[in-house]
Every structure is written in structure tokens, then in C-alpha cells.
Amino acid sequence: MKKLRDVLSDKSKWTKRAMARDADDDCVGVHSKEACKFCLVGALDKLDLTAKEYNLKRAKIGNYIKKFPAADILYGSAIPMGPEFYSLSKFNDFNSWETIDTMLNELDI
């Protein structure tokens, strides 16, 4: 199984406020051959995971996000279905590469 680290190997492969970007920083589709930078959600989509694999990775990230202060206010709504519903896009867009990098290293997903 592929890992998010395969797609987000370093800061130059990561982006905010778009699922995917090309080398000119223009928004492109996740599966575009020009796509070379991805947010967390775009990277998950790029992996072409099964629904089960996708949900497992998303739940691990959700559990990681909920440890941050005010996570249910800033990073997603307090949906009673579980941490997998915390907003990955908000977490991605309101944090630094260092935070994302640390998460990828800790979770090994």
C-alpha cells in the first residue's frame, strides 16, 4: 500500500488552499500529469486507495488532529461520528509544513 509520505516527501511537494498544483503553482486536478504539489486531501486522493484504506488513513489523521488545542472549533465540527470527520483541509491550510511533516513521520501513513 502506498503512503502519504510517497506523495508528500518534502515541502516542495506540499501546498495549501488547493488539492493539487502544477510547477507554476496553478491549480490542477489531483490526477493531472502536471500535478506535483498536493494538500493532505489531494495526496490521499492521489493514492487511489480503497474505501477501507482511505477511511483508516483519514481516521488516523483525525485522531492526530484532535490532540491540538480547540481542534473541534478550528479544524472541524464536533460531528459525533468520530475523529475521521475532522477537516483535513482546514488542518492542512492552517498549519505549517513542519506540522504536516511531523504528523507524517509520527503516523507513518
Protein backbone atom coordinates (compact mmCIF):
# COMPACT_ATOMS: atom_id res chain seq x y z
CA MET A 1 0.00 0.00 0.00
CA LYS A 2 1.24 3.50 -0.78
CA LYS A 3 1.82 6.04 1.92
CA LEU A 4 1.13 9.75 2.14
CA ARG A 5 4.87 10.18 2.55
CA ASP A 6 5.26 8.83 -1.00
CA VAL A 7 3.32 11.84 -2.28
CA LEU A 8 4.33 14.42 0.34
CA SER A 9 8.03 13.57 0.52
CA ASP A 10 9.16 17.14 1.24
CA LYS A 11 7.95 20.74 1.46
CA SER A 12 8.27 21.29 -2.30
CA LYS A 13 5.56 18.63 -2.88
CA TRP A 14 3.05 20.21 -0.46
CA THR A 15 0.53 23.01 -0.98
CA LYS A 16 -2.25 24.90 0.76
CA ARG A 17 -5.69 26.06 -0.43
CA ALA A 18 -5.77 23.70 -3.42
CA MET A 19 -5.88 19.93 -3.73
CA ALA A 20 -3.12 19.96 -6.34
CA ARG A 21 -0.88 22.45 -8.14
CA ASP A 22 1.50 22.33 -11.07
CA ALA A 23 5.08 23.64 -11.19
CA ASP A 24 3.74 27.18 -11.80
CA ASP A 25 1.52 26.93 -8.68
CA ASP A 26 -1.64 26.86 -10.77
CA CYS A 27 -4.49 24.66 -9.50
CA VAL A 28 -4.80 21.39 -11.41
CA GLY A 29 -6.62 18.11 -10.89
CA VAL A 30 -5.12 15.61 -8.49
CA HIS A 31 -4.63 13.08 -11.27
CA SER A 32 -3.30 15.59 -13.81
CA LYS A 33 0.11 14.69 -15.18
CA GLU A 34 1.19 18.25 -14.32
CA ALA A 35 0.27 17.89 -10.63
CA CYS A 36 3.39 17.98 -8.49
CA LYS A 37 2.20 19.58 -5.22
CA PHE A 38 -0.64 18.30 -3.05
CA CYS A 39 -2.51 19.14 0.14
CA LEU A 40 -3.37 16.33 2.58
CA VAL A 41 -6.72 15.67 0.91
CA GLY A 42 -5.22 15.78 -2.57
CA ALA A 43 -2.43 13.44 -1.51
CA LEU A 44 -4.97 10.95 -0.13
CA ASP A 45 -6.89 11.10 -3.40
CA LYS A 46 -3.69 10.71 -5.42
CA LEU A 47 -3.00 7.39 -3.67
CA ASP A 48 -6.08 5.77 -5.26
CA LEU A 49 -6.86 3.88 -2.06
CA THR A 50 -9.73 1.53 -1.46
CA ALA A 51 -12.52 2.99 0.67
CA LYS A 52 -11.29 0.97 3.66
CA GLU A 53 -7.67 2.15 3.26
CA TYR A 54 -8.80 5.76 2.78
CA ASN A 55 -11.01 5.68 5.88
CA LEU A 56 -8.24 4.11 8.01
CA LYS A 57 -5.75 6.81 7.00
CA ARG A 58 -8.31 9.56 7.46
CA ALA A 59 -9.22 8.25 10.93
CA LYS A 60 -5.55 8.19 11.97
CA ILE A 61 -5.15 11.79 10.85
CA GLY A 62 -8.40 12.76 12.60
CA ASN A 63 -7.14 11.25 15.86
CA TYR A 64 -3.89 13.17 15.44
CA ILE A 65 -5.70 16.45 14.75
CA LYS A 66 -7.95 16.18 17.80
CA LYS A 67 -4.95 16.47 20.14
CA PHE A 68 -4.44 20.09 19.07
CA PRO A 69 -5.98 22.85 21.23
CA ALA A 70 -9.51 23.80 20.15
CA ALA A 71 -9.38 21.13 17.44
CA ASP A 72 -13.13 20.80 17.20
CA ILE A 73 -13.56 24.51 16.67
CA LEU A 74 -10.67 25.31 14.36
CA TYR A 75 -10.19 22.07 12.48
CA GLY A 76 -13.70 20.77 12.05
CA SER A 77 -17.11 20.49 13.51
CA ALA A 78 -17.90 18.35 16.51
CA ILE A 79 -19.61 15.69 14.46
CA PRO A 80 -20.48 12.73 16.71
CA MET A 81 -19.38 10.18 14.10
CA GLY A 82 -15.76 10.28 15.17
CA PRO A 83 -12.39 11.92 14.58
CA GLU A 84 -12.22 10.81 10.94
CA PHE A 85 -14.57 13.72 10.19
CA TYR A 86 -12.26 16.45 11.43
CA SER A 87 -11.45 18.69 8.50
CA LEU A 88 -8.19 17.61 6.92
CA SER A 89 -8.28 20.55 4.54
CA LYS A 90 -8.50 23.08 7.38
CA PHE A 91 -5.75 21.29 9.27
CA ASN A 92 -3.60 21.39 6.13
CA ASP A 93 -4.33 25.04 5.32
CA PHE A 94 -3.92 26.47 8.83
CA ASN A 95 -0.67 24.73 9.73
CA SER A 96 2.93 24.78 8.61
CA TRP A 97 4.83 22.20 6.60
CA GLU A 98 6.72 21.37 9.79
CA THR A 99 3.45 20.36 11.48
CA ILE A 100 2.39 18.27 8.48
CA ASP A 101 5.86 16.71 8.22
CA THR A 102 5.89 15.82 11.92
CA MET A 103 2.44 14.23 11.59
CA LEU A 104 3.52 12.15 8.58
CA ASN A 105 6.58 10.94 10.47
CA GLU A 106 4.65 10.11 13.65
CA LEU A 107 1.76 8.34 11.94
CA ASP A 108 3.78 6.56 9.24
CA ILE A 109 0.80 6.59 6.91
